[in-house]
C-alpha atoms as a PDB file:
ATOM      1  CA  UNK A   1     -86.479-169.915  74.219  1.00  0.00           C
ATOM      2  CA  UNK A   2     -85.235-168.731  70.824  1.00  0.00           C
ATOM      3  CA  UNK A   3     -81.608-169.392  70.013  1.00  0.00           C
ATOM      4  CA  UNK A   4     -78.686-168.492  67.762  1.00  0.00           C
ATOM      5  CA  UNK A   5     -75.888-170.987  67.031  1.00  0.00           C
ATOM      6  CA  UNK A   6     -72.303-169.760  66.652  1.00  0.00           C
ATOM      7  CA  UNK A   7     -69.893-172.008  64.742  1.00  0.00           C
ATOM      8  CA  UNK A   8     -66.387-172.215  66.208  1.00  0.00           C
ATOM      9  CA  UNK A   9     -63.317-174.378  65.639  1.00  0.00           C
ATOM     10  CA  UNK A  10     -62.890-174.439  69.421  1.00  0.00           C
ATOM     11  CA  UNK A  11     -66.493-175.561  70.034  1.00  0.00           C
ATOM     12  CA  UNK A  12     -69.855-174.507  68.671  1.00  0.00           C
ATOM     13  CA  UNK A  13     -71.962-172.627  71.204  1.00  0.00           C
ATOM     14  CA  UNK A  14     -75.459-171.217  71.446  1.00  0.00           C
ATOM     15  CA  UNK A  15     -77.065-167.959  72.469  1.00  0.00           C
ATOM     16  CA  UNK A  16     -80.444-168.358  74.159  1.00  0.00           C
ATOM     17  CA  UNK A  17     -82.972-165.547  74.642  1.00  0.00           C
ATOM     18  CA  UNK A  18     -85.042-165.905  77.805  1.00  0.00           C
ATOM     19  CA  UNK A  19     -87.199-163.777  80.132  1.00  0.00           C
ATOM     20  CA  UNK A  20     -86.846-165.019  83.713  1.00  0.00           C
ATOM     21  CA  UNK A  21     -83.563-164.772  85.623  1.00  0.00           C
ATOM     22  CA  UNK A  22     -84.662-167.069  88.438  1.00  0.00           C
ATOM     23  CA  UNK A  23     -86.171-169.829  86.277  1.00  0.00           C
ATOM     24  CA  UNK A  24     -83.196-170.062  83.947  1.00  0.00           C
ATOM     25  CA  UNK A  25     -80.658-170.033  86.798  1.00  0.00           C
ATOM     26  CA  UNK A  26     -82.615-172.728  88.611  1.00  0.00           C
ATOM     27  CA  UNK A  27     -82.705-174.963  85.534  1.00  0.00           C
ATOM     28  CA  UNK A  28     -79.156-174.247  84.375  1.00  0.00           C
ATOM     29  CA  UNK A  29     -77.000-174.464  87.509  1.00  0.00           C
ATOM     30  CA  UNK A  30     -75.365-177.725  88.545  1.00  0.00           C
ATOM     31  CA  UNK A  31     -74.387-178.421  92.196  1.00  0.00           C
ATOM     32  CA  UNK A  32     -70.613-177.798  91.879  1.00  0.00           C
ATOM     33  CA  UNK A  33     -70.697-174.859  89.490  1.00  0.00           C
ATOM     34  CA  UNK A  34     -69.067-171.685  90.828  1.00  0.00           C
ATOM     35  CA  UNK A  35     -70.832-168.394  90.138  1.00  0.00           C
ATOM     36  CA  UNK A  36     -68.728-165.272  89.466  1.00  0.00           C
ATOM     37  CA  UNK A  37     -71.005-162.237  89.693  1.00  0.00           C
ATOM     38  CA  UNK A  38     -70.511-158.477  89.493  1.00  0.00           C
ATOM     39  CA  UNK A  39     -71.300-156.864  92.856  1.00  0.00           C
ATOM     40  CA  UNK A  40     -73.455-154.153  91.253  1.00  0.00           C
ATOM     41  CA  UNK A  41     -75.489-156.754  89.356  1.00  0.00           C
ATOM     42  CA  UNK A  42     -75.945-158.805  92.528  1.00  0.00           C
ATOM     43  CA  UNK A  43     -77.163-155.784  94.495  1.00  0.00           C
ATOM     44  CA  UNK A  44     -79.814-155.029  91.870  1.00  0.00           C
ATOM     45  CA  UNK A  45     -81.257-158.546  91.811  1.00  0.00           C
ATOM     46  CA  UNK A  46     -84.503-159.432  93.549  1.00  0.00           C
ATOM     47  CA  UNK A  47     -83.995-160.939  97.006  1.00  0.00           C
ATOM     48  CA  UNK A  48     -85.253-164.324  95.772  1.00  0.00           C
ATOM     49  CA  UNK A  49     -82.457-164.471  93.186  1.00  0.00           C
ATOM     50  CA  UNK A  50     -79.852-163.140  95.645  1.00  0.00           C
ATOM     51  CA  UNK A  51     -80.755-165.904  98.116  1.00  0.00           C
ATOM     52  CA  UNK A  52     -80.544-168.486  95.345  1.00  0.00           C
ATOM     53  CA  UNK A  53     -76.992-167.351  94.514  1.00  0.00           C
ATOM     54  CA  UNK A  54     -75.721-167.035  98.092  1.00  0.00           C
ATOM     55  CA  UNK A  55     -76.889-170.575  98.825  1.00  0.00           C
ATOM     56  CA  UNK A  56     -74.547-171.839  96.110  1.00  0.00           C
ATOM     57  CA  UNK A  57     -70.808-171.599  95.493  1.00  0.00           C
ATOM     58  CA  UNK A  58     -70.232-168.024  94.439  1.00  0.00           C
ATOM     59  CA  UNK A  59     -67.701-165.195  94.235  1.00  0.00           C
ATOM     60  CA  UNK A  60     -68.832-161.568  94.182  1.00  0.00           C
ATOM     61  CA  UNK A  61     -66.341-159.296  92.403  1.00  0.00           C
ATOM     62  CA  UNK A  62     -65.902-155.576  92.007  1.00  0.00           C
ATOM     63  CA  UNK A  63     -65.992-155.435  88.206  1.00  0.00           C
ATOM     64  CA  UNK A  64     -63.486-152.661  87.533  1.00  0.00           C
ATOM     65  CA  UNK A  65     -60.522-152.288  85.190  1.00  0.00           C
ATOM     66  CA  UNK A  66     -58.285-152.690  88.268  1.00  0.00           C
ATOM     67  CA  UNK A  67     -59.913-156.038  89.043  1.00  0.00           C
ATOM     68  CA  UNK A  68     -59.263-157.103  85.448  1.00  0.00           C
ATOM     69  CA  UNK A  69     -55.532-156.702  86.007  1.00  0.00           C
ATOM     70  CA  UNK A  70     -53.503-159.880  85.704  1.00  0.00           C
ATOM     71  CA  UNK A  71     -52.173-159.737  89.282  1.00  0.00           C
ATOM     72  CA  UNK A  72     -55.656-159.108  90.706  1.00  0.00           C
ATOM     73  CA  UNK A  73     -56.913-162.461  89.386  1.00  0.00           C
ATOM     74  CA  UNK A  74     -54.911-164.556  91.881  1.00  0.00           C
ATOM     75  CA  UNK A  75     -57.355-164.229  94.830  1.00  0.00           C
ATOM     76  CA  UNK A  76     -60.284-165.139  92.545  1.00  0.00           C
ATOM     77  CA  UNK A  77     -58.507-168.255  91.258  1.00  0.00           C
ATOM     78  CA  UNK A  78     -57.558-169.276  94.810  1.00  0.00           C
ATOM     79  CA  UNK A  79     -61.188-168.830  95.867  1.00  0.00           C
ATOM     80  CA  UNK A  80     -62.397-171.024  92.988  1.00  0.00           C
ATOM     81  CA  UNK A  81     -59.927-173.790  93.853  1.00  0.00           C
ATOM     82  CA  UNK A  82     -60.813-173.584  97.558  1.00  0.00           C
ATOM     83  CA  UNK A  83     -64.445-174.244  96.567  1.00  0.00           C
ATOM     84  CA  UNK A  84     -63.359-177.777  95.591  1.00  0.00           C
ATOM     85  CA  UNK A  85     -63.683-176.875  91.907  1.00  0.00           C
ATOM     86  CA  UNK A  86     -62.751-179.720  89.566  1.00  0.00           C
ATOM     87  CA  UNK A  87     -62.079-179.939  85.839  1.00  0.00           C
ATOM     88  CA  UNK A  88     -65.581-181.233  85.145  1.00  0.00           C
ATOM     89  CA  UNK A  89     -67.242-178.280  86.893  1.00  0.00           C
ATOM     90  CA  UNK A  90     -68.229-174.980  85.272  1.00  0.00           C
ATOM     91  CA  UNK A  91     -67.809-171.295  85.953  1.00  0.00           C
ATOM     92  CA  UNK A  92     -71.033-169.278  85.672  1.00  0.00           C
ATOM     93  CA  UNK A  93     -70.342-165.626  84.847  1.00  0.00           C
ATOM     94  CA  UNK A  94     -73.048-163.035  85.582  1.00  0.00           C
ATOM     95  CA  UNK A  95     -72.127-159.474  84.650  1.00  0.00           C
ATOM     96  CA  UNK A  96     -70.845-157.248  81.877  1.00  0.00           C
ATOM     97  CA  UNK A  97     -67.706-157.255  79.773  1.00  0.00           C
ATOM     98  CA  UNK A  98     -65.233-157.098  82.659  1.00  0.00           C
ATOM     99  CA  UNK A  99     -66.855-160.049  84.428  1.00  0.00           C
ATOM    100  CA  UNK A 100     -66.838-161.859  81.084  1.00  0.00           C
ATOM    101  CA  UNK A 101     -63.127-161.213  80.500  1.00  0.00           C
ATOM    102  CA  UNK A 102     -62.171-162.292  84.012  1.00  0.00           C
ATOM    103  CA  UNK A 103     -64.279-165.462  83.938  1.00  0.00           C
ATOM    104  CA  UNK A 104     -63.327-166.465  80.394  1.00  0.00           C
ATOM    105  CA  UNK A 105     -59.611-165.908  80.954  1.00  0.00           C
ATOM    106  CA  UNK A 106     -59.626-167.920  84.184  1.00  0.00           C
ATOM    107  CA  UNK A 107     -61.713-170.680  82.560  1.00  0.00           C
ATOM    108  CA  UNK A 108     -59.231-170.918  79.688  1.00  0.00           C
ATOM    109  CA  UNK A 109     -56.256-171.277  82.045  1.00  0.00           C
ATOM    110  CA  UNK A 110     -57.627-173.270  84.989  1.00  0.00           C
ATOM    111  CA  UNK A 111     -56.761-176.968  84.690  1.00  0.00           C
ATOM    112  CA  UNK A 112     -55.843-176.207  81.036  1.00  0.00           C
ATOM    113  CA  UNK A 113     -59.436-175.253  80.285  1.00  0.00           C
ATOM    114  CA  UNK A 114     -62.834-175.673  81.953  1.00  0.00           C
ATOM    115  CA  UNK A 115     -66.334-174.922  80.690  1.00  0.00           C
ATOM    116  CA  UNK A 116     -68.051-171.642  81.437  1.00  0.00           C
ATOM    117  CA  UNK A 117     -71.536-170.197  80.912  1.00  0.00           C
ATOM    118  CA  UNK A 118     -72.267-166.502  80.462  1.00  0.00           C
ATOM    119  CA  UNK A 119     -75.249-164.420  81.611  1.00  0.00           C
ATOM    120  CA  UNK A 120     -74.444-160.969  80.117  1.00  0.00           C
ATOM    121  CA  UNK A 121     -76.026-158.194  82.181  1.00  0.00           C
ATOM    122  CA  UNK A 122     -75.203-155.104  80.106  1.00  0.00           C
ATOM    123  CA  UNK A 123     -76.432-154.087  76.680  1.00  0.00           C
ATOM    124  CA  UNK A 124     -72.855-153.968  75.397  1.00  0.00           C
ATOM    125  CA  UNK A 125     -72.225-157.542  76.525  1.00  0.00           C
ATOM    126  CA  UNK A 126     -75.590-158.863  75.309  1.00  0.00           C
ATOM    127  CA  UNK A 127     -75.305-157.288  71.852  1.00  0.00           C
ATOM    128  CA  UNK A 128     -71.588-157.712  71.211  1.00  0.00           C
ATOM    129  CA  UNK A 129     -68.934-159.144  73.495  1.00  0.00           C
ATOM    130  CA  UNK A 130     -70.857-162.274  74.536  1.00  0.00           C
ATOM    131  CA  UNK A 131     -69.973-163.920  71.206  1.00  0.00           C
ATOM    132  CA  UNK A 132     -66.615-164.102  69.462  1.00  0.00           C
ATOM    133  CA  UNK A 133     -64.623-165.872  72.152  1.00  0.00           C
ATOM    134  CA  UNK A 134     -62.119-163.101  72.904  1.00  0.00           C
ATOM    135  CA  UNK A 135     -60.679-162.776  76.402  1.00  0.00           C
ATOM    136  CA  UNK A 136     -58.714-159.658  77.335  1.00  0.00           C
ATOM    137  CA  UNK A 137     -56.843-158.919  80.559  1.00  0.00           C
ATOM    138  CA  UNK A 138     -54.925-155.797  81.582  1.00  0.00           C
ATOM    139  CA  UNK A 139     -51.322-155.867  82.757  1.00  0.00           C
ATOM    140  CA  UNK A 140     -50.107-152.845  84.697  1.00  0.00           C
ATOM    141  CA  UNK A 141     -51.521-149.747  82.993  1.00  0.00           C
ATOM    142  CA  UNK A 142     -51.753-151.501  79.633  1.00  0.00           C
ATOM    143  CA  UNK A 143     -55.329-152.375  78.688  1.00  0.00           C
ATOM    144  CA  UNK A 144     -56.224-155.735  77.095  1.00  0.00           C
ATOM    145  CA  UNK A 145     -52.635-156.819  76.421  1.00  0.00           C
ATOM    146  CA  UNK A 146     -53.117-160.436  77.553  1.00  0.00           C
ATOM    147  CA  UNK A 147     -55.765-162.825  76.292  1.00  0.00           C
ATOM    148  CA  UNK A 148     -56.823-165.607  73.997  1.00  0.00           C
ATOM    149  CA  UNK A 149     -59.922-167.059  72.337  1.00  0.00           C
ATOM    150  CA  UNK A 150     -62.131-169.137  74.609  1.00  0.00           C
ATOM    151  CA  UNK A 151     -65.901-168.987  74.022  1.00  0.00           C
ATOM    152  CA  UNK A 152     -68.457-170.034  76.623  1.00  0.00           C
ATOM    153  CA  UNK A 153     -70.425-173.240  76.153  1.00  0.00           C
ATOM    154  CA  UNK A 154     -73.677-171.304  76.440  1.00  0.00           C
ATOM    155  CA  UNK A 155     -74.888-167.689  76.573  1.00  0.00           C
ATOM    156  CA  UNK A 156     -78.220-166.710  78.123  1.00  0.00           C
ATOM    157  CA  UNK A 157     -79.579-163.267  77.247  1.00  0.00           C
ATOM    158  CA  UNK A 158     -82.204-161.979  79.685  1.00  0.00           C
ATOM    159  CA  UNK A 159     -83.652-158.472  79.048  1.00  0.00           C
ATOM    160  CA  UNK A 160     -84.594-158.099  82.709  1.00  0.00           C
ATOM    161  CA  UNK A 161     -80.950-157.350  83.529  1.00  0.00           C
ATOM    162  CA  UNK A 162     -81.149-154.138  81.475  1.00  0.00           C
ATOM    163  CA  UNK A 163     -83.999-152.593  83.495  1.00  0.00           C
ATOM    164  CA  UNK A 164     -81.607-151.267  86.146  1.00  0.00           C
ATOM    165  CA  UNK A 165     -78.851-150.279  83.697  1.00  0.00           C
ATOM    166  CA  UNK A 166     -77.837-146.579  84.029  1.00  0.00           C
ATOM    167  CA  UNK A 167     -78.658-144.534  80.916  1.00  0.00           C
ATOM    168  CA  UNK A 168     -74.975-143.829  80.231  1.00  0.00           C
ATOM    169  CA  UNK A 169     -74.257-147.566  80.111  1.00  0.00           C
ATOM    170  CA  UNK A 170     -77.329-148.120  77.935  1.00  0.00           C
ATOM    171  CA  UNK A 171     -76.055-145.491  75.490  1.00  0.00           C
ATOM    172  CA  UNK A 172     -72.677-147.200  75.587  1.00  0.00           C
ATOM    173  CA  UNK A 173     -74.293-150.415  74.389  1.00  0.00           C
ATOM    174  CA  UNK A 174     -76.175-148.545  71.677  1.00  0.00           C
ATOM    175  CA  UNK A 175     -72.879-146.975  70.571  1.00  0.00           C
ATOM    176  CA  UNK A 176     -71.113-150.314  70.335  1.00  0.00           C
ATOM    177  CA  UNK A 177     -74.017-151.703  68.323  1.00  0.00           C
ATOM    178  CA  UNK A 178     -73.925-148.732  65.957  1.00  0.00           C
ATOM    179  CA  UNK A 179     -70.412-149.576  64.787  1.00  0.00           C
ATOM    180  CA  UNK A 180     -71.604-153.024  63.639  1.00  0.00           C
ATOM    181  CA  UNK A 181     -74.513-151.528  61.722  1.00  0.00           C
ATOM    182  CA  UNK A 182     -72.195-149.014  60.029  1.00  0.00           C
ATOM    183  CA  UNK A 183     -69.685-151.701  59.076  1.00  0.00           C
ATOM    184  CA  UNK A 184     -72.506-153.874  57.732  1.00  0.00           C
ATOM    185  CA  UNK A 185     -73.866-151.319  55.253  1.00  0.00           C
ATOM    186  CA  UNK A 186     -76.563-148.779  54.369  1.00  0.00           C
ATOM    187  CA  UNK A 187     -79.511-151.137  54.822  1.00  0.00           C
ATOM    188  CA  UNK A 188     -78.515-152.157  58.332  1.00  0.00           C
ATOM    189  CA  UNK A 189     -77.619-148.566  59.263  1.00  0.00           C
ATOM    190  CA  UNK A 190     -81.142-147.493  58.273  1.00  0.00           C
ATOM    191  CA  UNK A 191     -82.565-150.441  60.250  1.00  0.00           C
ATOM    192  CA  UNK A 192     -80.714-149.153  63.326  1.00  0.00           C
ATOM    193  CA  UNK A 193     -81.748-145.521  62.819  1.00  0.00           C
ATOM    194  CA  UNK A 194     -85.426-146.452  62.451  1.00  0.00           C
ATOM    195  CA  UNK A 195     -85.383-148.283  65.799  1.00  0.00           C
ATOM    196  CA  UNK A 196     -82.943-146.161  67.803  1.00  0.00           C
ATOM    197  CA  UNK A 197     -85.371-143.930  69.731  1.00  0.00           C
ATOM    198  CA  UNK A 198     -87.908-146.711  70.373  1.00  0.00           C
ATOM    199  CA  UNK A 199     -85.220-149.037  71.740  1.00  0.00           C
ATOM    200  CA  UNK A 200     -84.943-146.901  74.885  1.00  0.00           C
ATOM    201  CA  UNK A 201     -88.522-147.702  75.916  1.00  0.00           C
ATOM    202  CA  UNK A 202     -89.612-150.761  73.935  1.00  0.00           C
ATOM    203  CA  UNK A 203     -88.058-154.066  75.027  1.00  0.00           C
ATOM    204  CA  UNK A 204     -89.138-155.923  71.879  1.00  0.00           C
ATOM    205  CA  UNK A 205     -87.568-153.306  69.582  1.00  0.00           C
ATOM    206  CA  UNK A 206     -84.382-153.448  71.639  1.00  0.00           C
ATOM    207  CA  UNK A 207     -84.228-157.246  71.350  1.00  0.00           C
ATOM    208  CA  UNK A 208     -84.658-156.936  67.580  1.00  0.00           C
ATOM    209  CA  UNK A 209     -81.586-154.693  67.477  1.00  0.00           C
ATOM    210  CA  UNK A 210     -79.615-157.012  69.775  1.00  0.00           C
ATOM    211  CA  UNK A 211     -80.432-160.132  67.766  1.00  0.00           C
ATOM    212  CA  UNK A 212     -79.657-158.479  64.418  1.00  0.00           C
ATOM    213  CA  UNK A 213     -76.392-157.140  65.855  1.00  0.00           C
ATOM    214  CA  UNK A 214     -75.374-160.641  66.933  1.00  0.00           C
ATOM    215  CA  UNK A 215     -76.278-161.951  63.472  1.00  0.00           C
ATOM    216  CA  UNK A 216     -73.982-159.353  61.879  1.00  0.00           C
ATOM    217  CA  UNK A 217     -71.142-160.221  64.230  1.00  0.00           C
ATOM    218  CA  UNK A 218     -71.770-163.967  63.809  1.00  0.00           C
ATOM    219  CA  UNK A 219     -71.049-163.605  60.095  1.00  0.00           C
ATOM    220  CA  UNK A 220     -67.705-161.921  60.738  1.00  0.00           C
ATOM    221  CA  UNK A 221     -66.489-164.292  63.437  1.00  0.00           C
ATOM    222  CA  UNK A 222     -67.486-167.429  61.539  1.00  0.00           C
ATOM    223  CA  UNK A 223     -65.573-166.216  58.472  1.00  0.00           C
ATOM    224  CA  UNK A 224     -62.553-164.991  60.481  1.00  0.00           C
ATOM    225  CA  UNK A 225     -62.643-166.517  63.959  1.00  0.00           C
ATOM    226  CA  UNK A 226     -59.160-165.497  65.064  1.00  0.00           C
ATOM    227  CA  UNK A 227     -59.106-161.863  63.941  1.00  0.00           C
ATOM    228  CA  UNK A 228     -56.636-162.180  61.079  1.00  0.00           C
ATOM    229  CA  UNK A 229     -58.584-160.687  58.202  1.00  0.00           C
ATOM    230  CA  UNK A 230     -62.121-159.432  57.677  1.00  0.00           C
ATOM    231  CA  UNK A 231     -62.988-159.376  61.383  1.00  0.00           C
ATOM    232  CA  UNK A 232     -60.362-156.679  61.907  1.00  0.00           C
ATOM    233  CA  UNK A 233     -62.817-154.259  60.257  1.00  0.00           C
ATOM    234  CA  UNK A 234     -64.875-154.499  63.452  1.00  0.00           C
ATOM    235  CA  UNK A 235     -62.128-152.456  65.122  1.00  0.00           C
ATOM    236  CA  UNK A 236     -63.641-149.409  63.389  1.00  0.00           C
ATOM    237  CA  UNK A 237     -63.537-146.613  65.984  1.00  0.00           C
ATOM    238  CA  UNK A 238     -61.764-148.753  68.559  1.00  0.00           C
ATOM    239  CA  UNK A 239     -58.139-147.591  68.339  1.00  0.00           C
ATOM    240  CA  UNK A 240     -59.211-143.994  68.947  1.00  0.00           C
ATOM    241  CA  UNK A 241     -61.901-145.127  71.398  1.00  0.00           C
ATOM    242  CA  UNK A 242     -59.475-147.109  73.572  1.00  0.00           C
ATOM    243  CA  UNK A 243     -57.172-144.074  73.757  1.00  0.00           C
ATOM    244  CA  UNK A 244     -60.126-141.917  74.889  1.00  0.00           C
ATOM    245  CA  UNK A 245     -61.053-144.477  77.556  1.00  0.00           C
ATOM    246  CA  UNK A 246     -57.505-144.553  78.863  1.00  0.00           C
ATOM    247  CA  UNK A 247     -57.006-140.774  78.960  1.00  0.00           C
ATOM    248  CA  UNK A 248     -60.353-140.157  80.678  1.00  0.00           C
ATOM    249  CA  UNK A 249     -59.619-142.928  83.204  1.00  0.00           C
ATOM    250  CA  UNK A 250     -62.672-144.789  81.838  1.00  0.00           C
ATOM    251  CA  UNK A 251     -65.058-141.975  82.787  1.00  0.00           C
ATOM    252  CA  UNK A 252     -66.264-142.256  79.185  1.00  0.00           C
ATOM    253  CA  UNK A 253     -67.844-145.746  78.845  1.00  0.00           C
ATOM    254  CA  UNK A 254     -66.535-148.011  76.103  1.00  0.00           C
ATOM    255  CA  UNK A 255     -69.350-147.719  73.569  1.00  0.00           C
ATOM    256  CA  UNK A 256     -69.468-143.939  73.901  1.00  0.00           C
ATOM    257  CA  UNK A 257     -65.680-143.726  73.528  1.00  0.00           C
ATOM    258  CA  UNK A 258     -66.012-145.879  70.400  1.00  0.00           C
ATOM    259  CA  UNK A 259     -68.657-143.463  69.076  1.00  0.00           C
ATOM    260  CA  UNK A 260     -66.189-140.601  69.412  1.00  0.00           C
ATOM    261  CA  UNK A 261     -63.586-142.942  67.895  1.00  0.00           C
ATOM    262  CA  UNK A 262     -65.751-143.618  64.840  1.00  0.00           C
ATOM    263  CA  UNK A 263     -66.173-139.882  64.349  1.00  0.00           C
ATOM    264  CA  UNK A 264     -62.390-139.447  64.551  1.00  0.00           C
ATOM    265  CA  UNK A 265     -61.893-142.275  62.037  1.00  0.00           C
ATOM    266  CA  UNK A 266     -64.370-140.565  59.704  1.00  0.00           C
ATOM    267  CA  UNK A 267     -62.600-137.211  60.171  1.00  0.00           C
ATOM    268  CA  UNK A 268     -59.232-138.769  59.250  1.00  0.00           C
ATOM    269  CA  UNK A 269     -60.927-140.494  56.299  1.00  0.00           C
ATOM    270  CA  UNK A 270     -62.074-137.060  55.067  1.00  0.00           C
ATOM    271  CA  UNK A 271     -58.509-135.733  55.384  1.00  0.00           C
ATOM    272  CA  UNK A 272     -57.228-138.643  53.291  1.00  0.00           C
ATOM    273  CA  UNK A 273     -59.899-138.107  50.653  1.00  0.00           C
ATOM    274  CA  UNK A 274     -61.639-141.428  51.348  1.00  0.00           C
ATOM    275  CA  UNK A 275     -65.060-139.884  52.061  1.00  0.00           C
ATOM    276  CA  UNK A 276     -66.733-136.510  51.662  1.00  0.00           C
ATOM    277  CA  UNK A 277     -67.531-134.116  54.476  1.00  0.00           C
ATOM    278  CA  UNK A 278     -71.228-134.850  53.838  1.00  0.00           C
ATOM    279  CA  UNK A 279     -70.827-138.551  54.665  1.00  0.00           C
ATOM    280  CA  UNK A 280     -68.904-137.675  57.826  1.00  0.00           C
ATOM    281  CA  UNK A 281     -71.660-135.303  58.949  1.00  0.00           C
ATOM    282  CA  UNK A 282     -74.430-137.789  58.074  1.00  0.00           C
ATOM    283  CA  UNK A 283     -72.907-140.377  60.404  1.00  0.00           C
ATOM    284  CA  UNK A 284     -72.064-137.742  63.032  1.00  0.00           C
ATOM    285  CA  UNK A 285     -75.749-136.855  63.398  1.00  0.00           C
ATOM    286  CA  UNK A 286     -76.384-140.376  64.701  1.00  0.00           C
ATOM    287  CA  UNK A 287     -73.176-140.474  66.742  1.00  0.00           C
ATOM    288  CA  UNK A 288     -74.195-137.272  68.546  1.00  0.00           C
ATOM    289  CA  UNK A 289     -77.260-139.063  69.886  1.00  0.00           C
ATOM    290  CA  UNK A 290     -74.925-141.586  71.530  1.00  0.00           C
ATOM    291  CA  UNK A 291     -72.446-139.194  73.133  1.00  0.00           C
ATOM    292  CA  UNK A 292     -75.045-136.545  74.040  1.00  0.00           C
ATOM    293  CA  UNK A 293     -74.422-135.236  77.564  1.00  0.00           C
ATOM    294  CA  UNK A 294     -70.754-136.257  77.639  1.00  0.00           C
ATOM    295  CA  UNK A 295     -67.606-134.313  76.877  1.00  0.00           C
ATOM    296  CA  UNK A 296     -64.001-135.256  76.195  1.00  0.00           C
ATOM    297  CA  UNK A 297     -62.718-132.217  78.076  1.00  0.00           C
ATOM    298  CA  UNK A 298     -59.287-131.002  77.060  1.00  0.00           C
ATOM    299  CA  UNK A 299     -57.375-134.047  75.894  1.00  0.00           C
ATOM    300  CA  UNK A 300     -53.691-133.488  75.240  1.00  0.00           C
ATOM    301  CA  UNK A 301     -52.739-134.524  71.702  1.00  0.00           C
ATOM    302  CA  UNK A 302     -49.253-135.615  72.755  1.00  0.00           C
ATOM    303  CA  UNK A 303     -50.710-137.885  75.423  1.00  0.00           C
ATOM    304  CA  UNK A 304     -53.278-139.161  72.942  1.00  0.00           C
ATOM    305  CA  UNK A 305     -50.626-140.185  70.414  1.00  0.00           C
ATOM    306  CA  UNK A 306     -48.571-141.797  73.163  1.00  0.00           C
ATOM    307  CA  UNK A 307     -51.519-144.026  74.119  1.00  0.00           C
ATOM    308  CA  UNK A 308     -52.348-144.666  70.456  1.00  0.00           C
ATOM    309  CA  UNK A 309     -48.767-145.801  69.858  1.00  0.00           C
ATOM    310  CA  UNK A 310     -49.273-148.637  72.366  1.00  0.00           C
ATOM    311  CA  UNK A 311     -52.249-150.095  70.519  1.00  0.00           C
ATOM    312  CA  UNK A 312     -51.575-153.819  70.087  1.00  0.00           C
ATOM    313  CA  UNK A 313     -52.779-153.698  66.475  1.00  0.00           C
ATOM    314  CA  UNK A 314     -49.930-151.375  65.418  1.00  0.00           C
ATOM    315  CA  UNK A 315     -47.137-152.689  63.217  1.00  0.00           C
ATOM    316  CA  UNK A 316     -43.743-151.213  64.018  1.00  0.00           C
ATOM    317  CA  UNK A 317     -44.074-147.438  64.074  1.00  0.00           C
ATOM    318  CA  UNK A 318     -47.293-147.437  62.047  1.00  0.00           C
ATOM    319  CA  UNK A 319     -50.781-146.915  63.459  1.00  0.00           C
ATOM    320  CA  UNK A 320     -53.045-149.609  62.016  1.00  0.00           C
ATOM    321  CA  UNK A 321     -56.403-147.834  61.804  1.00  0.00           C
ATOM    322  CA  UNK A 322     -59.766-148.913  60.463  1.00  0.00           C
ATOM    323  CA  UNK A 323     -60.984-146.039  58.318  1.00  0.00           C
ATOM    324  CA  UNK A 324     -63.865-145.790  55.841  1.00  0.00           C
ATOM    325  CA  UNK A 325     -64.684-145.129  52.219  1.00  0.00           C
ATOM    326  CA  UNK A 326     -68.379-144.969  53.066  1.00  0.00           C
ATOM    327  CA  UNK A 327     -71.023-146.804  55.084  1.00  0.00           C
ATOM    328  CA  UNK A 328     -70.271-150.518  54.775  1.00  0.00           C
ATOM    329  CA  UNK A 329     -66.890-149.790  53.150  1.00  0.00           C
ATOM    330  CA  UNK A 330     -64.388-149.929  55.998  1.00  0.00           C
ATOM    331  CA  UNK A 331     -60.713-150.615  55.313  1.00  0.00           C
ATOM    332  CA  UNK A 332     -57.469-151.144  57.204  1.00  0.00           C
ATOM    333  CA  UNK A 333     -55.037-148.279  56.627  1.00  0.00           C
ATOM    334  CA  UNK A 334     -51.595-147.671  58.101  1.00  0.00           C
ATOM    335  CA  UNK A 335     -50.608-144.144  59.142  1.00  0.00           C
ATOM    336  CA  UNK A 336     -47.066-143.217  60.113  1.00  0.00           C
ATOM    337  CA  UNK A 337     -46.943-140.641  62.932  1.00  0.00           C
ATOM    338  CA  UNK A 338     -45.934-137.204  61.724  1.00  0.00           C
ATOM    339  CA  UNK A 339     -46.820-133.524  61.489  1.00  0.00           C
ATOM    340  CA  UNK A 340     -49.891-134.065  59.304  1.00  0.00           C
ATOM    341  CA  UNK A 341     -51.511-136.576  61.628  1.00  0.00           C
ATOM    342  CA  UNK A 342     -50.698-134.518  64.724  1.00  0.00           C
ATOM    343  CA  UNK A 343     -52.193-131.444  63.053  1.00  0.00           C
ATOM    344  CA  UNK A 344     -55.372-133.384  62.225  1.00  0.00           C
ATOM    345  CA  UNK A 345     -55.728-134.489  65.846  1.00  0.00           C
ATOM    346  CA  UNK A 346     -55.249-130.912  67.064  1.00  0.00           C
ATOM    347  CA  UNK A 347     -57.871-129.697  64.597  1.00  0.00           C
ATOM    348  CA  UNK A 348     -60.311-132.417  65.613  1.00  0.00           C
ATOM    349  CA  UNK A 349     -60.102-131.750  69.346  1.00  0.00           C
ATOM    350  CA  UNK A 350     -60.235-127.956  68.988  1.00  0.00           C
ATOM    351  CA  UNK A 351     -62.894-127.519  66.286  1.00  0.00           C
ATOM    352  CA  UNK A 352     -64.940-130.627  65.532  1.00  0.00           C
ATOM    353  CA  UNK A 353     -66.740-131.205  68.827  1.00  0.00           C
ATOM    354  CA  UNK A 354     -67.843-127.630  69.491  1.00  0.00           C
END
């Protein structure tokens, strides 16, 4: 298996790339580990792997935003403890980003911290969220307001998981990857564009994109592990994207919402004179390939600003946005709510997506 090592002040950890789900589970699992697995992932596994899991300590969860709510974690924690789980045991998470957040958050809190291992099953999780150590839990209707940094001890990336991934979720992963390639610079953006179409049918090309994406992110998180400086640039497209997710009740998957969010960030950057219309349109041509077949419907600008105002990155009454002065030239920029910004949002939603 090839590997990638991530340096962390909490603990260094490794990403392994493997092919067989069954073989790696069989070699990795220890007798008292507890598996937390997404129900949809479990249902798509071969019967041999399903039997392997059900014959071990396991919890099948419905991996939804509702399940990621702070109060919804109590039954899962009680189940883990009732399985005679001890501090020296490990949680084994199999699923996408929601399963990751739930497992990592519980692992960080249970007995003041236990080890956990992650098998990411979605493209978004394999290419992005599996490294970096962030845990995020919802409280009430507020998304990702609780959390900490608690990386797994090991990550195992298995392409076989992606074979049953719905196309919309696959595009979501491609959209999340795109924001890394744009933040990285022209050379990496071209690398992504050259491989985009082939990645949908060629597993080797897809793994090249995933590995390079993790290498880009590895650089950011090793230089700024706790999100206080340069790593904040990776929020490009995310403030707008999170608002879109919330207002569409998550009907628009994360990476696709972020693709719309990047386009909005570019549009605002044009209004502020940071980039030309030509640069905005050049990036939009690639973004359209991500959000193709989806629509934002008729989002209300007032509601949009209300959600945007709750973004945890804001300072006081100022929206803290990641905008751009060109590919590879992202910057943090504060915008105070007012008539200009509201007018830009109205213009964007009424004219830019037609």
